[in-house]
Amino acid sequence: MPLIEVHLIEKVFDPEQKRQIIQKLTDAMVSIEGENMRGVTWVKISEVASGEWGIGGKPLTTEAVKELAAGRRAA
């Protein structure tokens, strides 16, 4: 049975956005494997504390992700 794991930095996505992530990832998987698999397709969201996720040797914060999402360059 498929398990889709999503790792996010905390406080970037609100509960409604996380619900949409779960729904849309499930829909994408079901579109490949068939509707009969919907009930056994799992999506697990894990949140990582701000600053505890590193990219390119530098910690990434909630604020930096929000800046990127807004189209601004993160510091």
Protein backbone atom coordinates (compact mmCIF):
# COMPACT_ATOMS: atom_id res chain seq x y z
CA MET A 1 0.00 0.00 0.00
CA PRO A 2 1.43 3.40 -0.90
CA LEU A 3 2.69 5.75 1.78
CA ILE A 4 3.52 9.29 0.68
CA GLU A 5 5.67 11.17 3.20
CA VAL A 6 5.77 14.96 3.09
CA HIS A 7 8.23 16.91 5.20
CA LEU A 8 7.50 20.59 5.75
CA ILE A 9 8.98 23.37 7.81
CA GLU A 10 6.57 24.20 10.62
CA LYS A 11 4.12 27.09 10.37
CA VAL A 12 4.49 27.51 6.61
CA PHE A 13 1.21 25.79 5.66
CA ASP A 14 -2.07 26.23 7.52
CA PRO A 15 -4.44 23.31 8.27
CA GLU A 16 -6.52 23.91 5.13
CA GLN A 17 -3.41 23.88 2.92
CA LYS A 18 -2.25 20.64 4.56
CA ARG A 19 -5.70 19.12 3.92
CA GLN A 20 -5.31 20.09 0.25
CA ILE A 21 -1.84 18.55 0.11
CA ILE A 22 -3.24 15.27 1.45
CA GLN A 23 -6.20 15.32 -0.93
CA LYS A 24 -4.24 16.24 -4.05
CA LEU A 25 -1.40 13.79 -3.43
CA THR A 26 -3.94 11.03 -2.85
CA ASP A 27 -5.76 12.00 -6.05
CA ALA A 28 -2.48 11.94 -7.99
CA MET A 29 -1.60 8.47 -6.73
CA VAL A 30 -5.10 7.13 -7.39
CA SER A 31 -4.92 8.49 -10.94
CA ILE A 32 -1.96 6.14 -11.49
CA GLU A 33 -2.92 3.08 -9.46
CA GLY A 34 -6.71 3.15 -9.76
CA GLU A 35 -9.67 4.23 -7.63
CA ASN A 36 -9.79 0.95 -5.73
CA MET A 37 -6.53 1.96 -4.00
CA ARG A 38 -7.85 5.26 -2.55
CA GLY A 39 -8.77 3.68 0.79
CA VAL A 40 -5.28 2.31 1.32
CA THR A 41 -3.26 5.29 0.08
CA TRP A 42 -1.66 7.01 3.05
CA VAL A 43 -0.24 10.54 3.19
CA LYS A 44 1.83 11.48 6.22
CA ILE A 45 2.85 15.07 6.90
CA SER A 46 5.79 15.66 9.24
CA GLU A 47 6.82 19.13 10.27
CA VAL A 48 10.39 20.13 11.03
CA ALA A 49 11.14 23.01 13.39
CA SER A 50 12.16 26.30 11.81
CA GLY A 51 15.93 26.40 11.38
CA GLU A 52 16.35 22.63 11.69
CA TRP A 53 16.21 21.99 7.94
CA GLY A 54 19.37 22.84 6.06
CA ILE A 55 19.85 23.57 2.38
CA GLY A 56 23.25 24.32 0.93
CA GLY A 57 24.83 24.23 4.36
CA LYS A 58 22.50 26.88 5.79
CA PRO A 59 19.47 26.48 8.05
CA LEU A 60 16.13 27.32 6.43
CA THR A 61 13.55 29.11 8.56
CA THR A 62 9.79 29.50 8.35
CA GLU A 63 10.27 33.17 7.54
CA ALA A 64 12.67 32.40 4.69
CA VAL A 65 10.21 29.93 3.13
CA LYS A 66 7.43 32.52 3.34
CA GLU A 67 9.70 35.08 1.65
CA LEU A 68 10.41 32.61 -1.16
CA ALA A 69 6.70 31.85 -1.56
CA ALA A 70 5.97 35.56 -1.81
CA GLY A 71 8.51 35.87 -4.64
CA ARG A 72 11.09 37.65 -2.54
CA ARG A 73 14.63 36.43 -2.16
CA ALA A 74 15.27 34.91 1.25
CA ALA A 75 18.27 36.22 3.16
